Amino acid sequence: MSIDKATVQKIASLARIKVTEDDLNYYAPQLQKILGWAEQLQQVNTDGVEPLLSVSEIACRLRPDVVNDGGNAAAVLSNAPESVEGFFVVSKIVE
């Protein structure tokens, strides 16, 4: 596929990008090189290659689900500057 100035203008229009005449002359060969590289990648034999989610085989370590001091509201609220009925009191920041 050949990229000319009209094609670059069409791509810029679809992307809602303003492109000058000088930019059209600059981007046309740039886009042609990118498409050439993509066509080169199409020639690579990928038969038998499974898709990857990640390049490293790292298993996610999960922490044990244990009860912690979150159930002790009095101890948690003891560090709060102000609390009402078991809740933190914070300043209103939106009028």
PDB file of N, CA and C in Angstrom:
ATOM      1  N   MET A   1       0.841  -1.178   0.000  1.00  0.00           N
ATOM      2  CA  MET A   1       0.000   0.000   0.000  1.00  0.00           C
ATOM      3  C   MET A   1       0.887   1.242   0.000  1.00  0.00           C
ATOM      4  N   SER A   2       0.550   2.169  -0.840  1.00  0.00           N
ATOM      5  CA  SER A   2       1.337   3.387  -0.941  1.00  0.00           C
ATOM      6  C   SER A   2       0.646   4.516  -0.177  1.00  0.00           C
ATOM      7  N   ILE A   3       1.436   5.240   0.587  1.00  0.00           N
ATOM      8  CA  ILE A   3       0.923   6.368   1.359  1.00  0.00           C
ATOM      9  C   ILE A   3       1.278   7.650   0.623  1.00  0.00           C
ATOM     10  N   ASP A   4       0.253   8.375   0.195  1.00  0.00           N
ATOM     11  CA  ASP A   4       0.491   9.664  -0.453  1.00  0.00           C
ATOM     12  C   ASP A   4      -0.074  10.774   0.435  1.00  0.00           C
ATOM     13  N   LYS A   5       0.025  12.007  -0.045  1.00  0.00           N
ATOM     14  CA  LYS A   5      -0.425  13.144   0.762  1.00  0.00           C
ATOM     15  C   LYS A   5      -1.923  13.087   1.027  1.00  0.00           C
ATOM     16  N   ALA A   6      -2.697  12.592   0.068  1.00  0.00           N
ATOM     17  CA  ALA A   6      -4.148  12.495   0.251  1.00  0.00           C
ATOM     18  C   ALA A   6      -4.494  11.504   1.366  1.00  0.00           C
ATOM     19  N   THR A   7      -3.754  10.408   1.432  1.00  0.00           N
ATOM     20  CA  THR A   7      -3.982   9.423   2.487  1.00  0.00           C
ATOM     21  C   THR A   7      -3.627   9.991   3.848  1.00  0.00           C
ATOM     22  N   VAL A   8      -2.518  10.711   3.926  1.00  0.00           N
ATOM     23  CA  VAL A   8      -2.125  11.340   5.191  1.00  0.00           C
ATOM     24  C   VAL A   8      -3.180  12.351   5.621  1.00  0.00           C
ATOM     25  N   GLN A   9      -3.705  13.126   4.666  1.00  0.00           N
ATOM     26  CA  GLN A   9      -4.746  14.102   4.981  1.00  0.00           C
ATOM     27  C   GLN A   9      -5.998  13.404   5.488  1.00  0.00           C
ATOM     28  N   LYS A  10      -6.365  12.272   4.899  1.00  0.00           N
ATOM     29  CA  LYS A  10      -7.533  11.497   5.332  1.00  0.00           C
ATOM     30  C   LYS A  10      -7.331  10.977   6.750  1.00  0.00           C
ATOM     31  N   ILE A  11      -6.141  10.438   7.039  1.00  0.00           N
ATOM     32  CA  ILE A  11      -5.834   9.938   8.384  1.00  0.00           C
ATOM     33  C   ILE A  11      -5.888  11.071   9.392  1.00  0.00           C
ATOM     34  N   ALA A  12      -5.321  12.228   9.038  1.00  0.00           N
ATOM     35  CA  ALA A  12      -5.344  13.385   9.932  1.00  0.00           C
ATOM     36  C   ALA A  12      -6.769  13.858  10.169  1.00  0.00           C
ATOM     37  N   SER A  13      -7.590  13.819   9.142  1.00  0.00           N
ATOM     38  CA  SER A  13      -8.989  14.221   9.279  1.00  0.00           C
ATOM     39  C   SER A  13      -9.743  13.278  10.204  1.00  0.00           C
ATOM     40  N   LEU A  14      -9.525  11.985  10.044  1.00  0.00           N
ATOM     41  CA  LEU A  14     -10.180  11.005  10.915  1.00  0.00           C
ATOM     42  C   LEU A  14      -9.737  11.138  12.364  1.00  0.00           C
ATOM     43  N   ALA A  15      -8.463  11.521  12.567  1.00  0.00           N
ATOM     44  CA  ALA A  15      -7.921  11.686  13.916  1.00  0.00           C
ATOM     45  C   ALA A  15      -8.189  13.087  14.467  1.00  0.00           C
ATOM     46  N   ARG A  16      -8.824  13.924  13.662  1.00  0.00           N
ATOM     47  CA  ARG A  16      -9.124  15.302  14.062  1.00  0.00           C
ATOM     48  C   ARG A  16      -7.849  16.070  14.397  1.00  0.00           C
ATOM     49  N   ILE A  17      -6.835  15.911  13.523  1.00  0.00           N
ATOM     50  CA  ILE A  17      -5.551  16.583  13.696  1.00  0.00           C
ATOM     51  C   ILE A  17      -5.356  17.551  12.536  1.00  0.00           C
ATOM     52  N   LYS A  18      -5.015  18.777  12.839  1.00  0.00           N
ATOM     53  CA  LYS A  18      -4.739  19.755  11.798  1.00  0.00           C
ATOM     54  C   LYS A  18      -3.314  19.546  11.292  1.00  0.00           C
ATOM     55  N   VAL A  19      -3.185  19.350   9.969  1.00  0.00           N
ATOM     56  CA  VAL A  19      -1.891  19.068   9.363  1.00  0.00           C
ATOM     57  C   VAL A  19      -1.659  20.073   8.236  1.00  0.00           C
ATOM     58  N   THR A  20      -0.488  20.707   8.253  1.00  0.00           N
ATOM     59  CA  THR A  20      -0.146  21.661   7.194  1.00  0.00           C
ATOM     60  C   THR A  20       0.381  20.921   5.970  1.00  0.00           C
ATOM     61  N   GLU A  21       0.540  21.645   4.887  1.00  0.00           N
ATOM     62  CA  GLU A  21       1.060  21.051   3.652  1.00  0.00           C
ATOM     63  C   GLU A  21       2.481  20.517   3.842  1.00  0.00           C
ATOM     64  N   ASP A  22       3.306  21.236   4.607  1.00  0.00           N
ATOM     65  CA  ASP A  22       4.660  20.766   4.889  1.00  0.00           C
ATOM     66  C   ASP A  22       4.636  19.476   5.700  1.00  0.00           C
ATOM     67  N   ASP A  23       3.690  19.391   6.651  1.00  0.00           N
ATOM     68  CA  ASP A  23       3.567  18.177   7.457  1.00  0.00           C
ATOM     69  C   ASP A  23       3.147  16.986   6.606  1.00  0.00           C
ATOM     70  N   LEU A  24       2.288  17.222   5.618  1.00  0.00           N
ATOM     71  CA  LEU A  24       1.871  16.132   4.729  1.00  0.00           C
ATOM     72  C   LEU A  24       3.073  15.540   4.016  1.00  0.00           C
ATOM     73  N   ASN A  25       3.969  16.399   3.546  1.00  0.00           N
ATOM     74  CA  ASN A  25       5.168  15.915   2.861  1.00  0.00           C
ATOM     75  C   ASN A  25       6.109  15.182   3.813  1.00  0.00           C
ATOM     76  N   TYR A  26       6.101  15.560   5.084  1.00  0.00           N
ATOM     77  CA  TYR A  26       6.978  14.926   6.066  1.00  0.00           C
ATOM     78  C   TYR A  26       6.413  13.574   6.511  1.00  0.00           C
ATOM     79  N   TYR A  27       5.091  13.510   6.773  1.00  0.00           N
ATOM     80  CA  TYR A  27       4.500  12.307   7.350  1.00  0.00           C
ATOM     81  C   TYR A  27       4.266  11.186   6.349  1.00  0.00           C
ATOM     82  N   ALA A  28       4.103  11.490   5.082  1.00  0.00           N
ATOM     83  CA  ALA A  28       3.838  10.447   4.088  1.00  0.00           C
ATOM     84  C   ALA A  28       4.940   9.385   4.062  1.00  0.00           C
ATOM     85  N   PRO A  29       6.229   9.750   3.933  1.00  0.00           N
ATOM     86  CA  PRO A  29       7.256   8.690   3.955  1.00  0.00           C
ATOM     87  C   PRO A  29       7.395   8.023   5.321  1.00  0.00           C
ATOM     88  N   GLN A  30       7.123   8.767   6.386  1.00  0.00           N
ATOM     89  CA  GLN A  30       7.199   8.179   7.727  1.00  0.00           C
ATOM     90  C   GLN A  30       6.161   7.055   7.870  1.00  0.00           C
ATOM     91  N   LEU A  31       4.923   7.342   7.456  1.00  0.00           N
ATOM     92  CA  LEU A  31       3.872   6.327   7.536  1.00  0.00           C
ATOM     93  C   LEU A  31       4.148   5.160   6.597  1.00  0.00           C
ATOM     94  N   GLN A  32       4.752   5.439   5.454  1.00  0.00           N
ATOM     95  CA  GLN A  32       5.109   4.371   4.512  1.00  0.00           C
ATOM     96  C   GLN A  32       6.127   3.419   5.149  1.00  0.00           C
ATOM     97  N   LYS A  33       7.096   3.951   5.880  1.00  0.00           N
ATOM     98  CA  LYS A  33       8.087   3.110   6.555  1.00  0.00           C
ATOM     99  C   LYS A  33       7.438   2.262   7.645  1.00  0.00           C
ATOM    100  N   ILE A  34       6.496   2.846   8.375  1.00  0.00           N
ATOM    101  CA  ILE A  34       5.799   2.097   9.434  1.00  0.00           C
ATOM    102  C   ILE A  34       5.014   0.943   8.830  1.00  0.00           C
ATOM    103  N   LEU A  35       4.298   1.201   7.745  1.00  0.00           N
ATOM    104  CA  LEU A  35       3.544   0.132   7.087  1.00  0.00           C
ATOM    105  C   LEU A  35       4.471  -0.933   6.510  1.00  0.00           C
ATOM    106  N   GLY A  36       5.626  -0.541   6.014  1.00  0.00           N
ATOM    107  CA  GLY A  36       6.596  -1.507   5.512  1.00  0.00           C
ATOM    108  C   GLY A  36       7.091  -2.424   6.626  1.00  0.00           C
ATOM    109  N   TRP A  37       7.305  -1.860   7.782  1.00  0.00           N
ATOM    110  CA  TRP A  37       7.733  -2.665   8.925  1.00  0.00           C
ATOM    111  C   TRP A  37       6.639  -3.621   9.360  1.00  0.00           C
ATOM    112  N   ALA A  38       5.382  -3.152   9.349  1.00  0.00           N
ATOM    113  CA  ALA A  38       4.255  -4.019   9.700  1.00  0.00           C
ATOM    114  C   ALA A  38       4.110  -5.160   8.695  1.00  0.00           C
ATOM    115  N   GLU A  39       4.313  -4.877   7.418  1.00  0.00           N
ATOM    116  CA  GLU A  39       4.261  -5.928   6.401  1.00  0.00           C
ATOM    117  C   GLU A  39       5.385  -6.936   6.605  1.00  0.00           C
ATOM    118  N   GLN A  40       6.543  -6.475   7.030  1.00  0.00           N
ATOM    119  CA  GLN A  40       7.659  -7.375   7.310  1.00  0.00           C
ATOM    120  C   GLN A  40       7.311  -8.295   8.480  1.00  0.00           C
ATOM    121  N   LEU A  41       6.627  -7.774   9.485  1.00  0.00           N
ATOM    122  CA  LEU A  41       6.220  -8.610  10.622  1.00  0.00           C
ATOM    123  C   LEU A  41       5.202  -9.669  10.213  1.00  0.00           C
ATOM    124  N   GLN A  42       4.381  -9.373   9.200  1.00  0.00           N
ATOM    125  CA  GLN A  42       3.401 -10.348   8.723  1.00  0.00           C
ATOM    126  C   GLN A  42       4.074 -11.595   8.140  1.00  0.00           C
ATOM    127  N   GLN A  43       5.318 -11.478   7.717  1.00  0.00           N
ATOM    128  CA  GLN A  43       6.031 -12.594   7.095  1.00  0.00           C
ATOM    129  C   GLN A  43       6.651 -13.545   8.121  1.00  0.00           C
ATOM    130  N   VAL A  44       6.650 -13.173   9.382  1.00  0.00           N
ATOM    131  CA  VAL A  44       7.245 -14.015  10.415  1.00  0.00           C
ATOM    132  C   VAL A  44       6.345 -15.230  10.655  1.00  0.00           C
ATOM    133  N   ASN A  45       6.951 -16.415  10.682  1.00  0.00           N
ATOM    134  CA  ASN A  45       6.205 -17.643  10.912  1.00  0.00           C
ATOM    135  C   ASN A  45       5.920 -17.784  12.408  1.00  0.00           C
ATOM    136  N   THR A  46       4.641 -17.751  12.762  1.00  0.00           N
ATOM    137  CA  THR A  46       4.254 -17.866  14.167  1.00  0.00           C
ATOM    138  C   THR A  46       3.474 -19.144  14.434  1.00  0.00           C
ATOM    139  N   ASP A  47       3.577 -20.127  13.554  1.00  0.00           N
ATOM    140  CA  ASP A  47       2.890 -21.399  13.765  1.00  0.00           C
ATOM    141  C   ASP A  47       3.421 -22.068  15.028  1.00  0.00           C
ATOM    142  N   GLY A  48       2.534 -22.515  15.863  1.00  0.00           N
ATOM    143  CA  GLY A  48       2.915 -23.211  17.090  1.00  0.00           C
ATOM    144  C   GLY A  48       3.311 -22.297  18.233  1.00  0.00           C
ATOM    145  N   VAL A  49       3.191 -20.996  18.062  1.00  0.00           N
ATOM    146  CA  VAL A  49       3.532 -20.054  19.133  1.00  0.00           C
ATOM    147  C   VAL A  49       2.244 -19.664  19.850  1.00  0.00           C
ATOM    148  N   GLU A  50       2.190 -19.930  21.140  1.00  0.00           N
ATOM    149  CA  GLU A  50       0.993 -19.601  21.897  1.00  0.00           C
ATOM    150  C   GLU A  50       0.997 -18.129  22.296  1.00  0.00           C
ATOM    151  N   PRO A  51      -0.172 -17.497  22.316  1.00  0.00           N
ATOM    152  CA  PRO A  51      -0.239 -16.100  22.751  1.00  0.00           C
ATOM    153  C   PRO A  51       0.192 -15.958  24.207  1.00  0.00           C
ATOM    154  N   LEU A  52       0.828 -14.834  24.527  1.00  0.00           N
ATOM    155  CA  LEU A  52       1.314 -14.582  25.878  1.00  0.00           C
ATOM    156  C   LEU A  52       0.484 -13.504  26.562  1.00  0.00           C
ATOM    157  N   LEU A  53       0.273 -13.663  27.832  1.00  0.00           N
ATOM    158  CA  LEU A  53      -0.276 -12.586  28.637  1.00  0.00           C
ATOM    159  C   LEU A  53       0.852 -11.764  29.233  1.00  0.00           C
ATOM    160  N   SER A  54       1.975 -12.422  29.494  1.00  0.00           N
ATOM    161  CA  SER A  54       3.131 -11.761  30.072  1.00  0.00           C
ATOM    162  C   SER A  54       4.377 -12.500  29.602  1.00  0.00           C
ATOM    163  N   VAL A  55       5.492 -11.794  29.549  1.00  0.00           N
ATOM    164  CA  VAL A  55       6.726 -12.443  29.120  1.00  0.00           C
ATOM    165  C   VAL A  55       7.387 -13.214  30.250  1.00  0.00           C
ATOM    166  N   SER A  56       6.952 -12.980  31.465  1.00  0.00           N
ATOM    167  CA  SER A  56       7.527 -13.706  32.600  1.00  0.00           C
ATOM    168  C   SER A  56       6.449 -14.566  33.243  1.00  0.00           C
ATOM    169  N   GLU A  57       6.850 -15.748  33.626  1.00  0.00           N
ATOM    170  CA  GLU A  57       5.931 -16.694  34.260  1.00  0.00           C
ATOM    171  C   GLU A  57       5.966 -16.521  35.772  1.00  0.00           C
ATOM    172  N   ILE A  58       5.389 -15.444  36.253  1.00  0.00           N
ATOM    173  CA  ILE A  58       5.376 -15.166  37.688  1.00  0.00           C
ATOM    174  C   ILE A  58       3.969 -15.414  38.206  1.00  0.00           C
ATOM    175  N   ALA A  59       3.873 -16.274  39.186  1.00  0.00           N
ATOM    176  CA  ALA A  59       2.583 -16.524  39.812  1.00  0.00           C
ATOM    177  C   ALA A  59       2.333 -15.462  40.879  1.00  0.00           C
ATOM    178  N   CYS A  60       1.121 -14.988  40.933  1.00  0.00           N
ATOM    179  CA  CYS A  60       0.771 -13.984  41.939  1.00  0.00           C
ATOM    180  C   CYS A  60       0.693 -14.639  43.314  1.00  0.00           C
ATOM    181  N   ARG A  61       1.402 -14.051  44.250  1.00  0.00           N
ATOM    182  CA  ARG A  61       1.340 -14.563  45.610  1.00  0.00           C
ATOM    183  C   ARG A  61       0.171 -13.899  46.310  1.00  0.00           C
ATOM    184  N   LEU A  62      -0.642 -14.687  46.964  1.00  0.00           N
ATOM    185  CA  LEU A  62      -1.784 -14.164  47.689  1.00  0.00           C
ATOM    186  C   LEU A  62      -1.494 -14.203  49.178  1.00  0.00           C
ATOM    187  N   ARG A  63      -1.870 -13.156  49.862  1.00  0.00           N
ATOM    188  CA  ARG A  63      -1.694 -13.149  51.308  1.00  0.00           C
ATOM    189  C   ARG A  63      -2.866 -13.895  51.935  1.00  0.00           C
ATOM    190  N   PRO A  64      -2.657 -14.464  53.081  1.00  0.00           N
ATOM    191  CA  PRO A  64      -3.759 -15.183  53.727  1.00  0.00           C
ATOM    192  C   PRO A  64      -4.848 -14.209  54.176  1.00  0.00           C
ATOM    193  N   ASP A  65      -6.072 -14.639  54.078  1.00  0.00           N
ATOM    194  CA  ASP A  65      -7.205 -13.828  54.482  1.00  0.00           C
ATOM    195  C   ASP A  65      -7.427 -14.051  55.978  1.00  0.00           C
ATOM    196  N   VAL A  66      -6.922 -13.111  56.763  1.00  0.00           N
ATOM    197  CA  VAL A  66      -7.033 -13.240  58.217  1.00  0.00           C
ATOM    198  C   VAL A  66      -7.719 -12.008  58.799  1.00  0.00           C
ATOM    199  N   VAL A  67      -8.319 -12.199  59.936  1.00  0.00           N
ATOM    200  CA  VAL A  67      -8.952 -11.093  60.642  1.00  0.00           C
ATOM    201  C   VAL A  67      -7.864 -10.264  61.306  1.00  0.00           C
ATOM    202  N   ASN A  68      -7.952  -8.932  61.160  1.00  0.00           N
ATOM    203  CA  ASN A  68      -6.968  -8.065  61.789  1.00  0.00           C
ATOM    204  C   ASN A  68      -7.673  -7.095  62.734  1.00  0.00           C
ATOM    205  N   ASP A  69      -6.984  -6.053  63.158  1.00  0.00           N
ATOM    206  CA  ASP A  69      -7.565  -5.151  64.147  1.00  0.00           C
ATOM    207  C   ASP A  69      -8.621  -4.209  63.571  1.00  0.00           C
ATOM    208  N   GLY A  70      -9.077  -4.445  62.364  1.00  0.00           N
ATOM    209  CA  GLY A  70     -10.133  -3.633  61.790  1.00  0.00           C
ATOM    210  C   GLY A  70     -11.442  -3.761  62.550  1.00  0.00           C
ATOM    211  N   GLY A  71     -11.587  -4.807  63.318  1.00  0.00           N
ATOM    212  CA  GLY A  71     -12.813  -4.991  64.087  1.00  0.00           C
ATOM    213  C   GLY A  71     -12.797  -4.246  65.411  1.00  0.00           C
ATOM    214  N   ASN A  72     -11.713  -3.544  65.723  1.00  0.00           N
ATOM    215  CA  ASN A  72     -11.596  -2.826  66.992  1.00  0.00           C
ATOM    216  C   ASN A  72     -11.701  -1.328  66.706  1.00  0.00           C
ATOM    217  N   ALA A  73     -12.940  -0.851  66.548  1.00  0.00           N
ATOM    218  CA  ALA A  73     -13.176   0.535  66.172  1.00  0.00           C
ATOM    219  C   ALA A  73     -12.660   1.512  67.220  1.00  0.00           C
ATOM    220  N   ALA A  74     -12.761   1.157  68.474  1.00  0.00           N
ATOM    221  CA  ALA A  74     -12.327   2.074  69.535  1.00  0.00           C
ATOM    222  C   ALA A  74     -10.829   2.353  69.438  1.00  0.00           C
ATOM    223  N   ALA A  75     -10.028   1.328  69.168  1.00  0.00           N
ATOM    224  CA  ALA A  75      -8.583   1.515  69.050  1.00  0.00           C
ATOM    225  C   ALA A  75      -8.236   2.318  67.802  1.00  0.00           C
ATOM    226  N   VAL A  76      -8.957   2.077  66.724  1.00  0.00           N
ATOM    227  CA  VAL A  76      -8.694   2.810  65.484  1.00  0.00           C
ATOM    228  C   VAL A  76      -9.061   4.275  65.655  1.00  0.00           C
ATOM    229  N   LEU A  77     -10.221   4.551  66.261  1.00  0.00           N
ATOM    230  CA  LEU A  77     -10.685   5.923  66.427  1.00  0.00           C
ATOM    231  C   LEU A  77      -9.947   6.673  67.531  1.00  0.00           C
ATOM    232  N   SER A  78      -9.170   5.983  68.349  1.00  0.00           N
ATOM    233  CA  SER A  78      -8.450   6.660  69.423  1.00  0.00           C
ATOM    234  C   SER A  78      -7.399   7.633  68.879  1.00  0.00           C
ATOM    235  N   ASN A  79      -6.930   7.421  67.663  1.00  0.00           N
ATOM    236  CA  ASN A  79      -5.942   8.305  67.051  1.00  0.00           C
ATOM    237  C   ASN A  79      -6.580   9.443  66.259  1.00  0.00           C
ATOM    238  N   ALA A  80      -7.894   9.417  66.087  1.00  0.00           N
ATOM    239  CA  ALA A  80      -8.569  10.445  65.296  1.00  0.00           C
ATOM    240  C   ALA A  80      -8.682  11.739  66.101  1.00  0.00           C
ATOM    241  N   PRO A  81      -8.508  12.902  65.445  1.00  0.00           N
ATOM    242  CA  PRO A  81      -8.671  14.163  66.155  1.00  0.00           C
ATOM    243  C   PRO A  81     -10.099  14.351  66.651  1.00  0.00           C
ATOM    244  N   GLU A  82     -11.078  13.835  65.875  1.00  0.00           N
ATOM    245  CA  GLU A  82     -12.479  13.959  66.275  1.00  0.00           C
ATOM    246  C   GLU A  82     -13.267  12.809  65.682  1.00  0.00           C
ATOM    247  N   SER A  83     -14.186  12.254  66.454  1.00  0.00           N
ATOM    248  CA  SER A  83     -15.050  11.189  65.971  1.00  0.00           C
ATOM    249  C   SER A  83     -16.436  11.368  66.572  1.00  0.00           C
ATOM    250  N   VAL A  84     -17.445  10.890  65.838  1.00  0.00           N
ATOM    251  CA  VAL A  84     -18.822  10.959  66.294  1.00  0.00           C
ATOM    252  C   VAL A  84     -19.488   9.630  65.980  1.00  0.00           C
ATOM    253  N   GLU A  85     -20.040   8.985  66.995  1.00  0.00           N
ATOM    254  CA  GLU A  85     -20.790   7.734  66.862  1.00  0.00           C
ATOM    255  C   GLU A  85     -20.013   6.664  66.090  1.00  0.00           C
ATOM    256  N   GLY A  86     -18.723   6.547  66.332  1.00  0.00           N
ATOM    257  CA  GLY A  86     -17.908   5.511  65.719  1.00  0.00           C
ATOM    258  C   GLY A  86     -17.396   5.839  64.328  1.00  0.00           C
ATOM    259  N   PHE A  87     -17.482   7.103  63.899  1.00  0.00           N
ATOM    260  CA  PHE A  87     -17.009   7.505  62.582  1.00  0.00           C
ATOM    261  C   PHE A  87     -16.014   8.649  62.708  1.00  0.00           C
ATOM    262  N   PHE A  88     -15.088   8.756  61.749  1.00  0.00           N
ATOM    263  CA  PHE A  88     -14.174   9.892  61.682  1.00  0.00           C
ATOM    264  C   PHE A  88     -14.959  11.138  61.296  1.00  0.00           C
ATOM    265  N   VAL A  89     -14.607  12.287  61.853  1.00  0.00           N
ATOM    266  CA  VAL A  89     -15.185  13.565  61.453  1.00  0.00           C
ATOM    267  C   VAL A  89     -14.150  14.269  60.584  1.00  0.00           C
ATOM    268  N   VAL A  90     -14.590  14.663  59.384  1.00  0.00           N
ATOM    269  CA  VAL A  90     -13.695  15.350  58.453  1.00  0.00           C
ATOM    270  C   VAL A  90     -14.331  16.673  58.056  1.00  0.00           C
ATOM    271  N   SER A  91     -13.494  17.623  57.649  1.00  0.00           N
ATOM    272  CA  SER A  91     -13.975  18.945  57.234  1.00  0.00           C
ATOM    273  C   SER A  91     -14.670  18.835  55.891  1.00  0.00           C
ATOM    274  N   LYS A  92     -15.673  19.680  55.687  1.00  0.00           N
ATOM    275  CA  LYS A  92     -16.331  19.762  54.400  1.00  0.00           C
ATOM    276  C   LYS A  92     -15.405  20.517  53.448  1.00  0.00           C
ATOM    277  N   ILE A  93     -15.154  19.925  52.281  1.00  0.00           N
ATOM    278  CA  ILE A  93     -14.222  20.570  51.361  1.00  0.00           C
ATOM    279  C   ILE A  93     -14.912  21.069  50.090  1.00  0.00           C
ATOM    280  N   VAL A  94     -16.164  20.682  49.874  1.00  0.00           N
ATOM    281  CA  VAL A  94     -16.915  21.111  48.690  1.00  0.00           C
ATOM    282  C   VAL A  94     -18.096  21.935  49.142  1.00  0.00           C
ATOM    283  N   GLU A  95     -18.234  23.113  48.589  1.00  0.00           N
ATOM    284  CA  GLU A  95     -19.362  23.981  48.952  1.00  0.00           C
ATOM    285  C   GLU A  95     -20.551  23.688  48.078  1.00  0.00           C
TER     286      GLU A  95
END
